[in-house]
Amino acid sequence: MTLRTGVDASLRLLATTAASALIVAALVASADAQQSAPRPQPSRAAPAKPPPAASGGAPATSEVSRRPLLGGYLGEQRLPDYRVFLPPPPAAGSPLAAADAAIFDETRKLENGPRWQLAANDDRINLKALLEDFGCSAGVDLSSVDAPALTRVLVRSSADLFPLIGAAKDAYKRLRPFLEREGPICVMPSDELTASPSYPSGHSATGWLYALLLAEIDPSQADAIVQRGRAYGESRVVCGVHYYSDIEGGRMTASALVAALHGAPEFETDIASARAEVFSLRGKAQRAAAACESEKANLATPW
């Protein structure tokens, strides 16, 4: 029995965890325009080890569940099955788990530096903030202009990502690194963040989804856009709220979804409309050159 055919409505609600719910809620519209949905219960008890205080960071993105106004392109029956393509997180004591721990420990040295500040900024996960993050790489600040066609394709694609990430998180129930290891993190962890499983990373999946879609919409900027999408996921490692393998899991999930989206005629139509719209906007909303040069220096290497 697969996720696409065998999960009833009540289990679907349980599978969509609070962290995944935030991603869609923030991307669709303002909170005032949405109806609150019941908050899912954490899939595990809170650990005894308290989370660390943030170092120079703002409160973590609030993680609440709200109903999206727009549905996805695929629907549950056509979503890719994460159990086929997404491996479990690294087992305790494995070489990959040791690498995850070593990367977490090493990146604590970035505390309060420029890469740390970029990572704290990347904690924001709403449509305007994400489009602003991709402004330099796309060559146009799409957060400052009216772009309904682009908004539609990003929001509807994100709505398909929401249940996919939620189901995987609920299945694997991996603890976040700051609950297992000592070291500063760049945001103040909320109760929802602490209770939300770590694998795969919803932030990473969303950033990679945006990167793949924006690169397809404007292939002339594809290299820089994909670089920024890579760095957006890596910011979660720098922040100390995800292991590196969580980031890879998020990217893999987003990649599988984009491949499936190409089987939806509405998606292809909306991509074409967004491409024409972005082309018409080029040159109308440029990012400040100085800000882009500063950002570029932080993107050359993962950390």
Foldseek 3Di string as FASTA:
>chain_A
DAQLPPDDDVVLVQLLAQQLQVQLCQAADDPVVWDFDDHHDQLDDFDPFDFDFAFQAEAFDDGGHIDHPDAAQAPSNLADGCVVPFDAPDDPPDPNVVVLVVLLVVLLVCGPPPLLVVLRQLSDRHNLSLLCLCQLLLQFSPSVDDQVLVSVLLSNLSNSLRSNQSNSQSVRQAAAQSRPDDHHFHHGYDPSLRSTGAAQPSSLLSLLLVLVLSCLLPVVSNVSSNLSSLLSLLSCSSRRGHGPVNNVRSNSSNVSSVVSLVVRPVSVVSSPSSSVRVVVCNPVGGDDPVVSVSVVVSRPDND
